[in-house]
Amino acid sequence: MIEVVKVLSVKEKCEIMCHIERKVKSISGIADSTEEEKVYEDVYNMAMRESGAFGLEYARPEFLYAIHEAIDTYALPAWLKNNEQRRKEYA
């Protein structure tokens, strides 16, 4: 018998992506679009690690809360904080 695995609905996937966007926009100190893209990727990858999935298409509904919690608690990585400090020193 084939096991049917439930995955997130399209609405749930959109909510996650919107949540990631809101989180990234709320972070100060992102200097340019390259750094912003890296932060988007970092938040997304961290959220997927919380769900045990490689991407949203494989994320399961039982991990929805953990995904949103991971996004909520995301902190700016040290490499980006260091970049911001260097920019201030050389400005």
PDB file of N, CA and C in Angstrom:
ATOM      1  N   MET A   1       0.834  -1.177   0.000  1.00  0.00           N
ATOM      2  CA  MET A   1       0.000   0.000   0.000  1.00  0.00           C
ATOM      3  C   MET A   1       0.886   1.250   0.000  1.00  0.00           C
ATOM      4  N   ILE A   2       0.502   2.222  -0.773  1.00  0.00           N
ATOM      5  CA  ILE A   2       1.266   3.459  -0.887  1.00  0.00           C
ATOM      6  C   ILE A   2       0.828   4.428   0.203  1.00  0.00           C
ATOM      7  N   GLU A   3       1.813   4.976   0.903  1.00  0.00           N
ATOM      8  CA  GLU A   3       1.527   5.929   1.970  1.00  0.00           C
ATOM      9  C   GLU A   3       1.328   7.322   1.372  1.00  0.00           C
ATOM     10  N   VAL A   4       0.254   7.967   1.759  1.00  0.00           N
ATOM     11  CA  VAL A   4      -0.012   9.329   1.315  1.00  0.00           C
ATOM     12  C   VAL A   4       0.564  10.286   2.354  1.00  0.00           C
ATOM     13  N   VAL A   5       1.468  11.124   1.917  1.00  0.00           N
ATOM     14  CA  VAL A   5       2.113  12.074   2.812  1.00  0.00           C
ATOM     15  C   VAL A   5       1.480  13.443   2.600  1.00  0.00           C
ATOM     16  N   LYS A   6       0.962  13.998   3.692  1.00  0.00           N
ATOM     17  CA  LYS A   6       0.376  15.333   3.597  1.00  0.00           C
ATOM     18  C   LYS A   6       1.492  16.367   3.517  1.00  0.00           C
ATOM     19  N   VAL A   7       1.272  17.356   2.678  1.00  0.00           N
ATOM     20  CA  VAL A   7       2.208  18.477   2.563  1.00  0.00           C
ATOM     21  C   VAL A   7       1.447  19.770   2.815  1.00  0.00           C
ATOM     22  N   LEU A   8       2.178  20.854   2.940  1.00  0.00           N
ATOM     23  CA  LEU A   8       1.555  22.146   3.185  1.00  0.00           C
ATOM     24  C   LEU A   8       0.689  22.565   2.001  1.00  0.00           C
ATOM     25  N   SER A   9      -0.373  23.269   2.308  1.00  0.00           N
ATOM     26  CA  SER A   9      -1.226  23.805   1.246  1.00  0.00           C
ATOM     27  C   SER A   9      -0.530  25.000   0.602  1.00  0.00           C
ATOM     28  N   VAL A  10      -1.035  25.410  -0.543  1.00  0.00           N
ATOM     29  CA  VAL A  10      -0.481  26.580  -1.223  1.00  0.00           C
ATOM     30  C   VAL A  10      -0.589  27.804  -0.317  1.00  0.00           C
ATOM     31  N   LYS A  11      -1.717  27.948   0.370  1.00  0.00           N
ATOM     32  CA  LYS A  11      -1.916  29.084   1.277  1.00  0.00           C
ATOM     33  C   LYS A  11      -0.865  29.072   2.387  1.00  0.00           C
ATOM     34  N   GLU A  12      -0.615  27.914   2.974  1.00  0.00           N
ATOM     35  CA  GLU A  12       0.376  27.808   4.052  1.00  0.00           C
ATOM     36  C   GLU A  12       1.779  28.150   3.548  1.00  0.00           C
ATOM     37  N   LYS A  13       2.096  27.710   2.337  1.00  0.00           N
ATOM     38  CA  LYS A  13       3.399  28.036   1.752  1.00  0.00           C
ATOM     39  C   LYS A  13       3.531  29.538   1.531  1.00  0.00           C
ATOM     40  N   CYS A  14       2.464  30.160   1.033  1.00  0.00           N
ATOM     41  CA  CYS A  14       2.480  31.617   0.823  1.00  0.00           C
ATOM     42  C   CYS A  14       2.633  32.360   2.142  1.00  0.00           C
ATOM     43  N   GLU A  15       1.951  31.878   3.182  1.00  0.00           N
ATOM     44  CA  GLU A  15       2.060  32.512   4.502  1.00  0.00           C
ATOM     45  C   GLU A  15       3.494  32.445   5.026  1.00  0.00           C
ATOM     46  N   ILE A  16       4.160  31.327   4.803  1.00  0.00           N
ATOM     47  CA  ILE A  16       5.551  31.184   5.238  1.00  0.00           C
ATOM     48  C   ILE A  16       6.440  32.171   4.488  1.00  0.00           C
ATOM     49  N   MET A  17       6.279  32.258   3.180  1.00  0.00           N
ATOM     50  CA  MET A  17       7.111  33.169   2.395  1.00  0.00           C
ATOM     51  C   MET A  17       6.854  34.626   2.780  1.00  0.00           C
ATOM     52  N   CYS A  18       5.602  34.980   3.029  1.00  0.00           N
ATOM     53  CA  CYS A  18       5.283  36.346   3.478  1.00  0.00           C
ATOM     54  C   CYS A  18       5.886  36.618   4.854  1.00  0.00           C
ATOM     55  N   HIS A  19       5.863  35.621   5.714  1.00  0.00           N
ATOM     56  CA  HIS A  19       6.449  35.757   7.051  1.00  0.00           C
ATOM     57  C   HIS A  19       7.959  35.993   6.939  1.00  0.00           C
ATOM     58  N   ILE A  20       8.606  35.251   6.053  1.00  0.00           N
ATOM     59  CA  ILE A  20      10.041  35.442   5.831  1.00  0.00           C
ATOM     60  C   ILE A  20      10.308  36.857   5.330  1.00  0.00           C
ATOM     61  N   GLU A  21       9.497  37.326   4.394  1.00  0.00           N
ATOM     62  CA  GLU A  21       9.687  38.681   3.863  1.00  0.00           C
ATOM     63  C   GLU A  21       9.535  39.735   4.961  1.00  0.00           C
ATOM     64  N   ARG A  22       8.502  39.601   5.785  1.00  0.00           N
ATOM     65  CA  ARG A  22       8.302  40.551   6.889  1.00  0.00           C
ATOM     66  C   ARG A  22       9.492  40.532   7.846  1.00  0.00           C
ATOM     67  N   LYS A  23       9.999  39.337   8.133  1.00  0.00           N
ATOM     68  CA  LYS A  23      11.132  39.216   9.055  1.00  0.00           C
ATOM     69  C   LYS A  23      12.366  39.911   8.493  1.00  0.00           C
ATOM     70  N   VAL A  24      12.671  39.653   7.225  1.00  0.00           N
ATOM     71  CA  VAL A  24      13.856  40.258   6.612  1.00  0.00           C
ATOM     72  C   VAL A  24      13.708  41.776   6.567  1.00  0.00           C
ATOM     73  N   LYS A  25      12.534  42.263   6.230  1.00  0.00           N
ATOM     74  CA  LYS A  25      12.301  43.714   6.161  1.00  0.00           C
ATOM     75  C   LYS A  25      12.429  44.366   7.536  1.00  0.00           C
ATOM     76  N   SER A  26      12.193  43.610   8.598  1.00  0.00           N
ATOM     77  CA  SER A  26      12.266  44.169   9.950  1.00  0.00           C
ATOM     78  C   SER A  26      13.696  44.243  10.491  1.00  0.00           C
ATOM     79  N   ILE A  27      14.636  43.628   9.798  1.00  0.00           N
ATOM     80  CA  ILE A  27      16.025  43.601  10.247  1.00  0.00           C
ATOM     81  C   ILE A  27      16.748  44.829   9.708  1.00  0.00           C
ATOM     82  N   SER A  28      17.337  45.601  10.610  1.00  0.00           N
ATOM     83  CA  SER A  28      18.118  46.759  10.168  1.00  0.00           C
ATOM     84  C   SER A  28      19.560  46.333   9.945  1.00  0.00           C
ATOM     85  N   GLY A  29      20.268  47.110   9.169  1.00  0.00           N
ATOM     86  CA  GLY A  29      21.684  46.834   8.953  1.00  0.00           C
ATOM     87  C   GLY A  29      21.989  46.067   7.690  1.00  0.00           C
ATOM     88  N   ILE A  30      20.984  45.809   6.866  1.00  0.00           N
ATOM     89  CA  ILE A  30      21.234  45.135   5.595  1.00  0.00           C
ATOM     90  C   ILE A  30      21.555  46.222   4.577  1.00  0.00           C
ATOM     91  N   ALA A  31      22.792  46.203   4.077  1.00  0.00           N
ATOM     92  CA  ALA A  31      23.295  47.315   3.276  1.00  0.00           C
ATOM     93  C   ALA A  31      22.819  47.298   1.832  1.00  0.00           C
ATOM     94  N   ASP A  32      22.792  46.148   1.222  1.00  0.00           N
ATOM     95  CA  ASP A  32      22.472  46.114  -0.206  1.00  0.00           C
ATOM     96  C   ASP A  32      21.682  44.864  -0.552  1.00  0.00           C
ATOM     97  N   SER A  33      21.305  44.763  -1.821  1.00  0.00           N
ATOM     98  CA  SER A  33      20.458  43.650  -2.254  1.00  0.00           C
ATOM     99  C   SER A  33      21.179  42.309  -2.162  1.00  0.00           C
ATOM    100  N   THR A  34      22.496  42.310  -2.281  1.00  0.00           N
ATOM    101  CA  THR A  34      23.251  41.060  -2.166  1.00  0.00           C
ATOM    102  C   THR A  34      23.154  40.511  -0.746  1.00  0.00           C
ATOM    103  N   GLU A  35      23.357  41.381   0.236  1.00  0.00           N
ATOM    104  CA  GLU A  35      23.229  40.945   1.634  1.00  0.00           C
ATOM    105  C   GLU A  35      21.789  40.558   1.939  1.00  0.00           C
ATOM    106  N   GLU A  36      20.844  41.328   1.414  1.00  0.00           N
ATOM    107  CA  GLU A  36      19.434  41.024   1.647  1.00  0.00           C
ATOM    108  C   GLU A  36      19.087  39.635   1.110  1.00  0.00           C
ATOM    109  N   GLU A  37      19.567  39.321  -0.071  1.00  0.00           N
ATOM    110  CA  GLU A  37      19.320  38.004  -0.670  1.00  0.00           C
ATOM    111  C   GLU A  37      19.902  36.891   0.201  1.00  0.00           C
ATOM    112  N   LYS A  38      21.081  37.120   0.750  1.00  0.00           N
ATOM    113  CA  LYS A  38      21.709  36.123   1.620  1.00  0.00           C
ATOM    114  C   LYS A  38      20.902  35.919   2.901  1.00  0.00           C
ATOM    115  N   VAL A  39      20.334  37.015   3.427  1.00  0.00           N
ATOM    116  CA  VAL A  39      19.524  36.898   4.641  1.00  0.00           C
ATOM    117  C   VAL A  39      18.234  36.138   4.332  1.00  0.00           C
ATOM    118  N   TYR A  40      17.583  36.455   3.193  1.00  0.00           N
ATOM    119  CA  TYR A  40      16.393  35.699   2.788  1.00  0.00           C
ATOM    120  C   TYR A  40      16.711  34.208   2.735  1.00  0.00           C
ATOM    121  N   GLU A  41      17.814  33.880   2.080  1.00  0.00           N
ATOM    122  CA  GLU A  41      18.215  32.480   1.932  1.00  0.00           C
ATOM    123  C   GLU A  41      18.495  31.836   3.285  1.00  0.00           C
ATOM    124  N   ASP A  42      19.147  32.570   4.173  1.00  0.00           N
ATOM    125  CA  ASP A  42      19.479  32.049   5.494  1.00  0.00           C
ATOM    126  C   ASP A  42      18.217  31.770   6.311  1.00  0.00           C
ATOM    127  N   VAL A  43      17.269  32.705   6.293  1.00  0.00           N
ATOM    128  CA  VAL A  43      16.009  32.514   7.031  1.00  0.00           C
ATOM    129  C   VAL A  43      15.258  31.316   6.457  1.00  0.00           C
ATOM    130  N   TYR A  44      15.167  31.241   5.139  1.00  0.00           N
ATOM    131  CA  TYR A  44      14.464  30.137   4.480  1.00  0.00           C
ATOM    132  C   TYR A  44      15.102  28.796   4.836  1.00  0.00           C
ATOM    133  N   ASN A  45      16.417  28.706   4.718  1.00  0.00           N
ATOM    134  CA  ASN A  45      17.110  27.444   5.012  1.00  0.00           C
ATOM    135  C   ASN A  45      16.944  27.034   6.467  1.00  0.00           C
ATOM    136  N   MET A  46      16.987  28.012   7.376  1.00  0.00           N
ATOM    137  CA  MET A  46      16.796  27.704   8.790  1.00  0.00           C
ATOM    138  C   MET A  46      15.379  27.173   9.036  1.00  0.00           C
ATOM    139  N   ALA A  47      14.399  27.807   8.402  1.00  0.00           N
ATOM    140  CA  ALA A  47      13.013  27.361   8.555  1.00  0.00           C
ATOM    141  C   ALA A  47      12.835  25.945   8.007  1.00  0.00           C
ATOM    142  N   MET A  48      13.492  25.647   6.905  1.00  0.00           N
ATOM    143  CA  MET A  48      13.376  24.308   6.328  1.00  0.00           C
ATOM    144  C   MET A  48      14.075  23.274   7.209  1.00  0.00           C
ATOM    145  N   ARG A  49      15.181  23.650   7.840  1.00  0.00           N
ATOM    146  CA  ARG A  49      15.837  22.722   8.776  1.00  0.00           C
ATOM    147  C   ARG A  49      14.895  22.370   9.922  1.00  0.00           C
ATOM    148  N   GLU A  50      14.144  23.360  10.391  1.00  0.00           N
ATOM    149  CA  GLU A  50      13.189  23.114  11.476  1.00  0.00           C
ATOM    150  C   GLU A  50      12.119  22.113  11.065  1.00  0.00           C
ATOM    151  N   SER A  51      11.787  22.099   9.780  1.00  0.00           N
ATOM    152  CA  SER A  51      10.734  21.196   9.311  1.00  0.00           C
ATOM    153  C   SER A  51      11.292  19.854   8.858  1.00  0.00           C
ATOM    154  N   GLY A  52      12.610  19.746   8.796  1.00  0.00           N
ATOM    155  CA  GLY A  52      13.212  18.507   8.326  1.00  0.00           C
ATOM    156  C   GLY A  52      13.032  18.299   6.839  1.00  0.00           C
ATOM    157  N   ALA A  53      12.769  19.389   6.111  1.00  0.00           N
ATOM    158  CA  ALA A  53      12.516  19.295   4.675  1.00  0.00           C
ATOM    159  C   ALA A  53      13.597  20.044   3.904  1.00  0.00           C
ATOM    160  N   PHE A  54      13.697  19.714   2.622  1.00  0.00           N
ATOM    161  CA  PHE A  54      14.664  20.389   1.762  1.00  0.00           C
ATOM    162  C   PHE A  54      14.065  21.615   1.095  1.00  0.00           C
ATOM    163  N   GLY A  55      12.768  21.752   1.160  1.00  0.00           N
ATOM    164  CA  GLY A  55      12.092  22.887   0.546  1.00  0.00           C
ATOM    165  C   GLY A  55      10.631  22.896   0.945  1.00  0.00           C
ATOM    166  N   LEU A  56       9.955  23.996   0.667  1.00  0.00           N
ATOM    167  CA  LEU A  56       8.548  24.120   1.053  1.00  0.00           C
ATOM    168  C   LEU A  56       7.672  23.029   0.451  1.00  0.00           C
ATOM    169  N   GLU A  57       8.020  22.581  -0.748  1.00  0.00           N
ATOM    170  CA  GLU A  57       7.191  21.559  -1.392  1.00  0.00           C
ATOM    171  C   GLU A  57       7.210  20.232  -0.634  1.00  0.00           C
ATOM    172  N   TYR A  58       8.196  20.049   0.256  1.00  0.00           N
ATOM    173  CA  TYR A  58       8.295  18.813   1.034  1.00  0.00           C
ATOM    174  C   TYR A  58       7.946  18.991   2.506  1.00  0.00           C
ATOM    175  N   ALA A  59       7.715  20.223   2.930  1.00  0.00           N
ATOM    176  CA  ALA A  59       7.408  20.484   4.340  1.00  0.00           C
ATOM    177  C   ALA A  59       6.043  19.907   4.695  1.00  0.00           C
ATOM    178  N   ARG A  60       5.944  19.382   5.896  1.00  0.00           N
ATOM    179  CA  ARG A  60       4.709  18.732   6.331  1.00  0.00           C
ATOM    180  C   ARG A  60       3.953  19.633   7.298  1.00  0.00           C
ATOM    181  N   PRO A  61       2.630  19.542   7.273  1.00  0.00           N
ATOM    182  CA  PRO A  61       1.790  20.415   8.106  1.00  0.00           C
ATOM    183  C   PRO A  61       2.095  20.347   9.598  1.00  0.00           C
ATOM    184  N   GLU A  62       2.529  19.205  10.093  1.00  0.00           N
ATOM    185  CA  GLU A  62       2.786  19.102  11.533  1.00  0.00           C
ATOM    186  C   GLU A  62       3.978  19.963  11.978  1.00  0.00           C
ATOM    187  N   PHE A  63       4.762  20.467  11.025  1.00  0.00           N
ATOM    188  CA  PHE A  63       5.901  21.326  11.354  1.00  0.00           C
ATOM    189  C   PHE A  63       5.614  22.805  11.114  1.00  0.00           C
ATOM    190  N   LEU A  64       4.383  23.144  10.771  1.00  0.00           N
ATOM    191  CA  LEU A  64       4.039  24.527  10.442  1.00  0.00           C
ATOM    192  C   LEU A  64       4.354  25.478  11.595  1.00  0.00           C
ATOM    193  N   TYR A  65       3.974  25.104  12.806  1.00  0.00           N
ATOM    194  CA  TYR A  65       4.246  25.958  13.966  1.00  0.00           C
ATOM    195  C   TYR A  65       5.753  26.140  14.155  1.00  0.00           C
ATOM    196  N   ALA A  66       6.514  25.064  14.043  1.00  0.00           N
ATOM    197  CA  ALA A  66       7.972  25.134  14.225  1.00  0.00           C
ATOM    198  C   ALA A  66       8.618  26.033  13.173  1.00  0.00           C
ATOM    199  N   ILE A  67       8.102  25.998  11.964  1.00  0.00           N
ATOM    200  CA  ILE A  67       8.635  26.848  10.895  1.00  0.00           C
ATOM    201  C   ILE A  67       8.415  28.318  11.242  1.00  0.00           C
ATOM    202  N   HIS A  68       7.183  28.658  11.625  1.00  0.00           N
ATOM    203  CA  HIS A  68       6.883  30.053  11.966  1.00  0.00           C
ATOM    204  C   HIS A  68       7.653  30.496  13.215  1.00  0.00           C
ATOM    205  N   GLU A  69       7.807  29.612  14.162  1.00  0.00           N
ATOM    206  CA  GLU A  69       8.573  29.926  15.374  1.00  0.00           C
ATOM    207  C   GLU A  69      10.040  30.200  15.025  1.00  0.00           C
ATOM    208  N   ALA A  70      10.590  29.407  14.122  1.00  0.00           N
ATOM    209  CA  ALA A  70      11.981  29.606  13.701  1.00  0.00           C
ATOM    210  C   ALA A  70      12.150  30.959  13.018  1.00  0.00           C
ATOM    211  N   ILE A  71      11.191  31.333  12.195  1.00  0.00           N
ATOM    212  CA  ILE A  71      11.255  32.636  11.523  1.00  0.00           C
ATOM    213  C   ILE A  71      11.165  33.756  12.555  1.00  0.00           C
ATOM    214  N   ASP A  72      10.243  33.623  13.500  1.00  0.00           N
ATOM    215  CA  ASP A  72      10.073  34.647  14.541  1.00  0.00           C
ATOM    216  C   ASP A  72      11.340  34.862  15.357  1.00  0.00           C
ATOM    217  N   THR A  73      12.062  33.799  15.639  1.00  0.00           N
ATOM    218  CA  THR A  73      13.229  33.886  16.522  1.00  0.00           C
ATOM    219  C   THR A  73      14.548  34.061  15.769  1.00  0.00           C
ATOM    220  N   TYR A  74      14.475  34.230  14.464  1.00  0.00           N
ATOM    221  CA  TYR A  74      15.690  34.391  13.656  1.00  0.00           C
ATOM    222  C   TYR A  74      16.486  35.605  14.124  1.00  0.00           C
ATOM    223  N   ALA A  75      17.783  35.434  14.243  1.00  0.00           N
ATOM    224  CA  ALA A  75      18.686  36.538  14.590  1.00  0.00           C
ATOM    225  C   ALA A  75      19.689  36.724  13.455  1.00  0.00           C
ATOM    226  N   LEU A  76      20.068  37.949  13.247  1.00  0.00           N
ATOM    227  CA  LEU A  76      21.019  38.275  12.193  1.00  0.00           C
ATOM    228  C   LEU A  76      22.320  37.506  12.412  1.00  0.00           C
ATOM    229  N   PRO A  77      22.851  36.859  11.379  1.00  0.00           N
ATOM    230  CA  PRO A  77      24.087  36.091  11.533  1.00  0.00           C
ATOM    231  C   PRO A  77      25.280  36.992  11.863  1.00  0.00           C
ATOM    232  N   ALA A  78      26.257  36.429  12.528  1.00  0.00           N
ATOM    233  CA  ALA A  78      27.440  37.193  12.948  1.00  0.00           C
ATOM    234  C   ALA A  78      28.171  37.803  11.759  1.00  0.00           C
ATOM    235  N   TRP A  79      28.255  37.091  10.644  1.00  0.00           N
ATOM    236  CA  TRP A  79      28.984  37.623   9.489  1.00  0.00           C
ATOM    237  C   TRP A  79      28.364  38.920   9.004  1.00  0.00           C
ATOM    238  N   LEU A  80      27.042  39.037   9.086  1.00  0.00           N
ATOM    239  CA  LEU A  80      26.383  40.257   8.629  1.00  0.00           C
ATOM    240  C   LEU A  80      26.547  41.378   9.649  1.00  0.00           C
ATOM    241  N   LYS A  81      26.496  41.034  10.923  1.00  0.00           N
ATOM    242  CA  LYS A  81      26.740  42.041  11.959  1.00  0.00           C
ATOM    243  C   LYS A  81      28.151  42.599  11.815  1.00  0.00           C
ATOM    244  N   ASN A  82      29.112  41.724  11.544  1.00  0.00           N
ATOM    245  CA  ASN A  82      30.499  42.159  11.359  1.00  0.00           C
ATOM    246  C   ASN A  82      30.636  43.064  10.144  1.00  0.00           C
ATOM    247  N   ASN A  83      29.927  42.751   9.056  1.00  0.00           N
ATOM    248  CA  ASN A  83      29.957  43.597   7.864  1.00  0.00           C
ATOM    249  C   ASN A  83      29.421  44.983   8.177  1.00  0.00           C
ATOM    250  N   GLU A  84      28.348  45.050   8.953  1.00  0.00           N
ATOM    251  CA  GLU A  84      27.753  46.338   9.314  1.00  0.00           C
ATOM    252  C   GLU A  84      28.733  47.157  10.153  1.00  0.00           C
ATOM    253  N   GLN A  85      29.409  46.527  11.099  1.00  0.00           N
ATOM    254  CA  GLN A  85      30.382  47.233  11.937  1.00  0.00           C
ATOM    255  C   GLN A  85      31.536  47.770  11.097  1.00  0.00           C
ATOM    256  N   ARG A  86      32.018  46.976  10.137  1.00  0.00           N
ATOM    257  CA  ARG A  86      33.108  47.422   9.270  1.00  0.00           C
ATOM    258  C   ARG A  86      32.691  48.616   8.422  1.00  0.00           C
ATOM    259  N   ARG A  87      31.457  48.596   7.910  1.00  0.00           N
ATOM    260  CA  ARG A  87      30.969  49.720   7.105  1.00  0.00           C
ATOM    261  C   ARG A  87      30.956  50.999   7.934  1.00  0.00           C
ATOM    262  N   LYS A  88      30.539  50.899   9.197  1.00  0.00           N
ATOM    263  CA  LYS A  88      30.492  52.080  10.067  1.00  0.00           C
ATOM    264  C   LYS A  88      31.900  52.601  10.361  1.00  0.00           C
ATOM    265  N   GLU A  89      32.854  51.692  10.533  1.00  0.00           N
ATOM    266  CA  GLU A  89      34.228  52.096  10.834  1.00  0.00           C
ATOM    267  C   GLU A  89      34.874  52.832   9.664  1.00  0.00           C
ATOM    268  N   TYR A  90      34.558  52.407   8.446  1.00  0.00           N
ATOM    269  CA  TYR A  90      35.192  53.000   7.266  1.00  0.00           C
ATOM    270  C   TYR A  90      34.379  54.131   6.660  1.00  0.00           C
ATOM    271  N   ALA A  91      33.244  54.450   7.249  1.00  0.00           N
ATOM    272  CA  ALA A  91      32.404  55.527   6.694  1.00  0.00           C
ATOM    273  C   ALA A  91      32.938  56.882   7.070  1.00  0.00           C
TER     274      ALA A  91
END
